[in-house]
PDB file of all heavy atoms in Angstrom:
ATOM      1  N   SER A   1      12.137   9.399  -3.782  1.00  0.00           N
ATOM      2  CA  SER A   1      11.150  10.456  -3.411  1.00  0.00           C
ATOM      3  C   SER A   1      10.190  10.714  -4.514  1.00  0.00           C
ATOM      4  O   SER A   1       9.145  11.454  -4.266  1.00  0.00           O
ATOM      5  CB  SER A   1      11.919  11.794  -3.039  1.00  0.00           C
ATOM      6  OG  SER A   1      12.636  12.239  -4.156  1.00  0.00           O
ATOM      7  N   SER A   2      10.342  10.209  -5.643  1.00  0.00           N
ATOM      8  CA  SER A   2       9.398  10.348  -6.790  1.00  0.00           C
ATOM      9  C   SER A   2       8.312   9.264  -6.765  1.00  0.00           C
ATOM     10  O   SER A   2       7.386   9.275  -7.660  1.00  0.00           O
ATOM     11  CB  SER A   2      10.119  10.299  -8.094  1.00  0.00           C
ATOM     12  OG  SER A   2      11.016  11.335  -8.216  1.00  0.00           O
ATOM     13  N   TYR A   3       8.361   8.321  -5.874  1.00  0.00           N
ATOM     14  CA  TYR A   3       7.485   7.248  -5.859  1.00  0.00           C
ATOM     15  C   TYR A   3       6.498   7.287  -4.739  1.00  0.00           C
ATOM     16  O   TYR A   3       6.856   7.505  -3.590  1.00  0.00           O
ATOM     17  CB  TYR A   3       8.312   5.911  -5.737  1.00  0.00           C
ATOM     18  CG  TYR A   3       9.040   5.548  -6.925  1.00  0.00           C
ATOM     19  CD1 TYR A   3      10.255   6.099  -7.223  1.00  0.00           C
ATOM     20  CD2 TYR A   3       8.585   4.591  -7.843  1.00  0.00           C
ATOM     21  CE1 TYR A   3      11.005   5.778  -8.401  1.00  0.00           C
ATOM     22  CE2 TYR A   3       9.240   4.257  -9.024  1.00  0.00           C
ATOM     23  CZ  TYR A   3      10.457   4.852  -9.307  1.00  0.00           C
ATOM     24  OH  TYR A   3      11.081   4.563 -10.415  1.00  0.00           O
ATOM     25  N   ALA A   4       5.232   7.124  -5.146  1.00  0.00           N
ATOM     26  CA  ALA A   4       4.169   6.787  -4.220  1.00  0.00           C
ATOM     27  C   ALA A   4       4.336   5.400  -3.690  1.00  0.00           C
ATOM     28  O   ALA A   4       4.672   4.440  -4.500  1.00  0.00           O
ATOM     29  CB  ALA A   4       2.799   6.989  -4.822  1.00  0.00           C
ATOM     30  N   MET A   5       4.137   5.099  -2.448  1.00  0.00           N
ATOM     31  CA  MET A   5       4.299   3.837  -1.852  1.00  0.00           C
ATOM     32  C   MET A   5       3.017   3.339  -1.157  1.00  0.00           C
ATOM     33  O   MET A   5       2.246   4.088  -0.622  1.00  0.00           O
ATOM     34  CB  MET A   5       5.471   3.885  -0.847  1.00  0.00           C
ATOM     35  CG  MET A   5       6.729   4.429  -1.374  1.00  0.00           C
ATOM     36  SD  MET A   5       7.501   3.343  -2.703  1.00  0.00           S
ATOM     37  CE  MET A   5       7.852   1.841  -1.728  1.00  0.00           C
ATOM     38  N   GLY A   6       2.960   1.954  -1.171  1.00  0.00           N
ATOM     39  CA  GLY A   6       1.775   1.423  -0.475  1.00  0.00           C
ATOM     40  C   GLY A   6       2.120   0.157   0.202  1.00  0.00           C
ATOM     41  O   GLY A   6       3.115  -0.541  -0.178  1.00  0.00           O
ATOM     42  N   TRP A   7       1.370  -0.173   1.192  1.00  0.00           N
ATOM     43  CA  TRP A   7       1.396  -1.511   1.901  1.00  0.00           C
ATOM     44  C   TRP A   7       0.110  -2.226   1.594  1.00  0.00           C
ATOM     45  O   TRP A   7      -1.000  -1.647   1.810  1.00  0.00           O
ATOM     46  CB  TRP A   7       1.667  -1.391   3.382  1.00  0.00           C
ATOM     47  CG  TRP A   7       3.046  -1.018   3.709  1.00  0.00           C
ATOM     48  CD1 TRP A   7       3.528   0.241   4.049  1.00  0.00           C
ATOM     49  CD2 TRP A   7       4.136  -1.949   3.837  1.00  0.00           C
ATOM     50  NE1 TRP A   7       4.909   0.149   4.343  1.00  0.00           N
ATOM     51  CE2 TRP A   7       5.248  -1.155   4.240  1.00  0.00           C
ATOM     52  CE3 TRP A   7       4.279  -3.243   3.674  1.00  0.00           C
ATOM     53  CZ2 TRP A   7       6.547  -1.717   4.500  1.00  0.00           C
ATOM     54  CZ3 TRP A   7       5.524  -3.893   3.890  1.00  0.00           C
ATOM     55  CH2 TRP A   7       6.617  -3.052   4.302  1.00  0.00           C
ATOM     56  N   PHE A   8       0.194  -3.482   1.214  1.00  0.00           N
ATOM     57  CA  PHE A   8      -0.981  -4.318   1.036  1.00  0.00           C
ATOM     58  C   PHE A   8      -0.767  -5.638   1.782  1.00  0.00           C
ATOM     59  O   PHE A   8       0.340  -5.956   2.237  1.00  0.00           O
ATOM     60  CB  PHE A   8      -1.039  -4.709  -0.483  1.00  0.00           C
ATOM     61  CG  PHE A   8      -1.476  -3.580  -1.380  1.00  0.00           C
ATOM     62  CD1 PHE A   8      -0.452  -2.607  -1.734  1.00  0.00           C
ATOM     63  CD2 PHE A   8      -2.723  -3.403  -1.866  1.00  0.00           C
ATOM     64  CE1 PHE A   8      -0.787  -1.505  -2.504  1.00  0.00           C
ATOM     65  CE2 PHE A   8      -3.097  -2.348  -2.646  1.00  0.00           C
ATOM     66  CZ  PHE A   8      -2.082  -1.405  -3.007  1.00  0.00           C
ATOM     67  N   ARG A   9      -1.850  -6.358   1.969  1.00  0.00           N
ATOM     68  CA  ARG A   9      -1.735  -7.639   2.723  1.00  0.00           C
ATOM     69  C   ARG A   9      -2.655  -8.619   2.036  1.00  0.00           C
ATOM     70  O   ARG A   9      -3.671  -8.280   1.473  1.00  0.00           O
ATOM     71  CB  ARG A   9      -1.985  -7.516   4.124  1.00  0.00           C
ATOM     72  CG  ARG A   9      -3.419  -7.180   4.565  1.00  0.00           C
ATOM     73  CD  ARG A   9      -3.524  -6.936   6.094  1.00  0.00           C
ATOM     74  NE  ARG A   9      -4.867  -6.598   6.437  1.00  0.00           N
ATOM     75  CZ  ARG A   9      -5.204  -6.216   7.693  1.00  0.00           C
ATOM     76  NH1 ARG A   9      -4.291  -6.100   8.637  1.00  0.00           N
ATOM     77  NH2 ARG A   9      -6.485  -5.903   7.990  1.00  0.00           N
ATOM     78  N   GLN A  10      -2.266  -9.861   2.184  1.00  0.00           N
ATOM     79  CA  GLN A  10      -3.161 -10.973   1.639  1.00  0.00           C
ATOM     80  C   GLN A  10      -3.127 -12.118   2.620  1.00  0.00           C
ATOM     81  O   GLN A  10      -2.054 -12.671   2.900  1.00  0.00           O
ATOM     82  CB  GLN A  10      -2.663 -11.415   0.255  1.00  0.00           C
ATOM     83  CG  GLN A  10      -3.573 -12.399  -0.365  1.00  0.00           C
ATOM     84  CD  GLN A  10      -3.316 -12.540  -1.891  1.00  0.00           C
ATOM     85  OE1 GLN A  10      -2.202 -12.211  -2.370  1.00  0.00           O
ATOM     86  NE2 GLN A  10      -4.259 -13.048  -2.647  1.00  0.00           N
ATOM     87  N   ALA A  11      -4.322 -12.432   3.137  1.00  0.00           N
ATOM     88  CA  ALA A  11      -4.480 -13.609   4.006  1.00  0.00           C
ATOM     89  C   ALA A  11      -4.881 -14.777   3.184  1.00  0.00           C
ATOM     90  O   ALA A  11      -5.406 -14.649   2.063  1.00  0.00           O
ATOM     91  CB  ALA A  11      -5.540 -13.219   5.055  1.00  0.00           C
ATOM     92  N   PRO A  12      -4.608 -16.017   3.694  1.00  0.00           N
ATOM     93  CA  PRO A  12      -5.009 -17.199   2.915  1.00  0.00           C
ATOM     94  C   PRO A  12      -6.489 -17.161   2.543  1.00  0.00           C
ATOM     95  O   PRO A  12      -7.331 -16.967   3.381  1.00  0.00           O
ATOM     96  CB  PRO A  12      -4.679 -18.361   3.947  1.00  0.00           C
ATOM     97  CG  PRO A  12      -3.618 -17.750   4.754  1.00  0.00           C
ATOM     98  CD  PRO A  12      -3.915 -16.306   4.953  1.00  0.00           C
ATOM     99  N   GLY A  13      -6.738 -17.436   1.304  1.00  0.00           N
ATOM    100  CA  GLY A  13      -8.089 -17.533   0.791  1.00  0.00           C
ATOM    101  C   GLY A  13      -8.766 -16.195   0.558  1.00  0.00           C
ATOM    102  O   GLY A  13      -9.985 -16.129   0.287  1.00  0.00           O
ATOM    103  N   LYS A  14      -7.991 -15.125   0.777  1.00  0.00           N
ATOM    104  CA  LYS A  14      -8.640 -13.762   0.607  1.00  0.00           C
ATOM    105  C   LYS A  14      -7.884 -13.011  -0.464  1.00  0.00           C
ATOM    106  O   LYS A  14      -6.794 -13.312  -0.806  1.00  0.00           O
ATOM    107  CB  LYS A  14      -8.580 -13.032   1.946  1.00  0.00           C
ATOM    108  CG  LYS A  14      -9.453 -13.658   3.048  1.00  0.00           C
ATOM    109  CD  LYS A  14      -9.508 -12.737   4.235  1.00  0.00           C
ATOM    110  CE  LYS A  14     -10.439 -13.310   5.287  1.00  0.00           C
ATOM    111  NZ  LYS A  14     -10.560 -12.384   6.484  1.00  0.00           N
ATOM    112  N   GLU A  15      -8.520 -11.932  -0.960  1.00  0.00           N
ATOM    113  CA  GLU A  15      -7.915 -11.087  -1.917  1.00  0.00           C
ATOM    114  C   GLU A  15      -6.955 -10.134  -1.271  1.00  0.00           C
ATOM    115  O   GLU A  15      -7.066  -9.840  -0.090  1.00  0.00           O
ATOM    116  CB  GLU A  15      -9.032 -10.295  -2.638  1.00  0.00           C
ATOM    117  CG  GLU A  15      -9.885 -11.123  -3.558  1.00  0.00           C
ATOM    118  CD  GLU A  15     -10.843 -10.300  -4.419  1.00  0.00           C
ATOM    119  OE1 GLU A  15     -10.832  -9.076  -4.240  1.00  0.00           O
ATOM    120  OE2 GLU A  15     -11.537 -10.900  -5.260  1.00  0.00           O
ATOM    121  N   ARG A  16      -5.976  -9.725  -2.095  1.00  0.00           N
ATOM    122  CA  ARG A  16      -5.085  -8.739  -1.615  1.00  0.00           C
ATOM    123  C   ARG A  16      -5.764  -7.423  -1.283  1.00  0.00           C
ATOM    124  O   ARG A  16      -6.605  -6.955  -2.135  1.00  0.00           O
ATOM    125  CB  ARG A  16      -3.942  -8.455  -2.612  1.00  0.00           C
ATOM    126  CG  ARG A  16      -2.846  -7.645  -2.131  1.00  0.00           C
ATOM    127  CD  ARG A  16      -1.630  -7.664  -3.127  1.00  0.00           C
ATOM    128  NE  ARG A  16      -1.089  -9.056  -3.293  1.00  0.00           N
ATOM    129  CZ  ARG A  16       0.011  -9.287  -3.932  1.00  0.00           C
ATOM    130  NH1 ARG A  16       0.715  -8.311  -4.503  1.00  0.00           N
ATOM    131  NH2 ARG A  16       0.485 -10.512  -4.122  1.00  0.00           N
ATOM    132  N   GLU A  17      -5.477  -6.800  -0.176  1.00  0.00           N
ATOM    133  CA  GLU A  17      -6.149  -5.582   0.179  1.00  0.00           C
ATOM    134  C   GLU A  17      -5.158  -4.488   0.589  1.00  0.00           C
ATOM    135  O   GLU A  17      -4.071  -4.766   1.074  1.00  0.00           O
ATOM    136  CB  GLU A  17      -7.095  -5.794   1.401  1.00  0.00           C
ATOM    137  CG  GLU A  17      -6.435  -6.200   2.658  1.00  0.00           C
ATOM    138  CD  GLU A  17      -7.400  -6.286   3.818  1.00  0.00           C
ATOM    139  OE1 GLU A  17      -8.502  -5.708   3.765  1.00  0.00           O
ATOM    140  OE2 GLU A  17      -7.015  -6.817   4.885  1.00  0.00           O
ATOM    141  N   SER A  18      -5.548  -3.220   0.271  1.00  0.00           N
ATOM    142  CA  SER A  18      -4.727  -2.133   0.637  1.00  0.00           C
ATOM    143  C   SER A  18      -4.824  -1.894   2.131  1.00  0.00           C
ATOM    144  O   SER A  18      -5.900  -1.898   2.690  1.00  0.00           O
ATOM    145  CB  SER A  18      -5.205  -0.881  -0.139  1.00  0.00           C
ATOM    146  OG  SER A  18      -4.464   0.240   0.256  1.00  0.00           O
ATOM    147  N   VAL A  19      -3.683  -1.663   2.731  1.00  0.00           N
ATOM    148  CA  VAL A  19      -3.560  -1.418   4.168  1.00  0.00           C
ATOM    149  C   VAL A  19      -3.284   0.039   4.411  1.00  0.00           C
ATOM    150  O   VAL A  19      -3.947   0.634   5.226  1.00  0.00           O
ATOM    151  CB  VAL A  19      -2.448  -2.290   4.826  1.00  0.00           C
ATOM    152  CG1 VAL A  19      -2.325  -1.895   6.275  1.00  0.00           C
ATOM    153  CG2 VAL A  19      -2.823  -3.808   4.689  1.00  0.00           C
ATOM    154  N   ALA A  20      -2.321   0.616   3.760  1.00  0.00           N
ATOM    155  CA  ALA A  20      -1.875   1.956   3.950  1.00  0.00           C
ATOM    156  C   ALA A  20      -1.106   2.437   2.764  1.00  0.00           C
ATOM    157  O   ALA A  20      -0.519   1.632   1.979  1.00  0.00           O
ATOM    158  CB  ALA A  20      -0.995   2.108   5.229  1.00  0.00           C
ATOM    159  N   ALA A  21      -1.103   3.770   2.534  1.00  0.00           N
ATOM    160  CA  ALA A  21      -0.400   4.343   1.387  1.00  0.00           C
ATOM    161  C   ALA A  21       0.145   5.696   1.752  1.00  0.00           C
ATOM    162  O   ALA A  21      -0.449   6.370   2.606  1.00  0.00           O
ATOM    163  CB  ALA A  21      -1.288   4.341   0.119  1.00  0.00           C
ATOM    164  N   ILE A  22       1.184   6.110   1.031  1.00  0.00           N
ATOM    165  CA  ILE A  22       1.708   7.427   1.256  1.00  0.00           C
ATOM    166  C   ILE A  22       2.140   8.013  -0.082  1.00  0.00           C
ATOM    167  O   ILE A  22       2.639   7.291  -0.961  1.00  0.00           O
ATOM    168  CB  ILE A  22       2.921   7.376   2.235  1.00  0.00           C
ATOM    169  CG1 ILE A  22       3.386   8.739   2.712  1.00  0.00           C
ATOM    170  CG2 ILE A  22       4.090   6.511   1.676  1.00  0.00           C
ATOM    171  CD1 ILE A  22       4.302   8.735   3.842  1.00  0.00           C
ATOM    172  N   SER A  23       1.871   9.295  -0.221  1.00  0.00           N
ATOM    173  CA  SER A  23       2.185   9.976  -1.473  1.00  0.00           C
ATOM    174  C   SER A  23       3.706  10.104  -1.652  1.00  0.00           C
ATOM    175  O   SER A  23       4.438   9.974  -0.671  1.00  0.00           O
ATOM    176  CB  SER A  23       1.523  11.323  -1.525  1.00  0.00           C
ATOM    177  OG  SER A  23       2.000  12.165  -0.444  1.00  0.00           O
ATOM    178  N   SER A  24       4.155  10.430  -2.884  1.00  0.00           N
ATOM    179  CA  SER A  24       5.555  10.651  -3.087  1.00  0.00           C
ATOM    180  C   SER A  24       6.020  11.855  -2.285  1.00  0.00           C
ATOM    181  O   SER A  24       7.195  11.895  -1.892  1.00  0.00           O
ATOM    182  CB  SER A  24       5.841  10.800  -4.586  1.00  0.00           C
ATOM    183  OG  SER A  24       5.098  11.885  -5.151  1.00  0.00           O
ATOM    184  N   SER A  25       5.213  12.809  -2.109  1.00  0.00           N
ATOM    185  CA  SER A  25       5.543  13.963  -1.319  1.00  0.00           C
ATOM    186  C   SER A  25       5.602  13.670   0.205  1.00  0.00           C
ATOM    187  O   SER A  25       6.271  14.439   0.957  1.00  0.00           O
ATOM    188  CB  SER A  25       4.532  15.102  -1.542  1.00  0.00           C
ATOM    189  OG  SER A  25       3.284  14.788  -0.961  1.00  0.00           O
ATOM    190  N   GLY A  26       4.950  12.648   0.577  1.00  0.00           N
ATOM    191  CA  GLY A  26       4.959  12.301   2.016  1.00  0.00           C
ATOM    192  C   GLY A  26       3.892  13.042   2.758  1.00  0.00           C
ATOM    193  O   GLY A  26       3.673  12.778   4.010  1.00  0.00           O
ATOM    194  N   ASP A  27       3.186  13.989   2.099  1.00  0.00           N
ATOM    195  CA  ASP A  27       2.181  14.788   2.808  1.00  0.00           C
ATOM    196  C   ASP A  27       0.802  14.137   2.980  1.00  0.00           C
ATOM    197  O   ASP A  27       0.117  14.521   3.871  1.00  0.00           O
ATOM    198  CB  ASP A  27       1.924  16.058   1.990  1.00  0.00           C
ATOM    199  CG  ASP A  27       3.231  16.943   1.862  1.00  0.00           C
ATOM    200  OD1 ASP A  27       4.039  16.867   2.783  1.00  0.00           O
ATOM    201  OD2 ASP A  27       3.269  17.792   0.988  1.00  0.00           O
TER     202      ASP A  27
END
């Protein structure tokens, strides 16, 4: 619960990009 979390994705030949993120509070 102390960790902020994120989802990233990387397609072939492309840079890694942020998809979604959530704060440690979840708010």
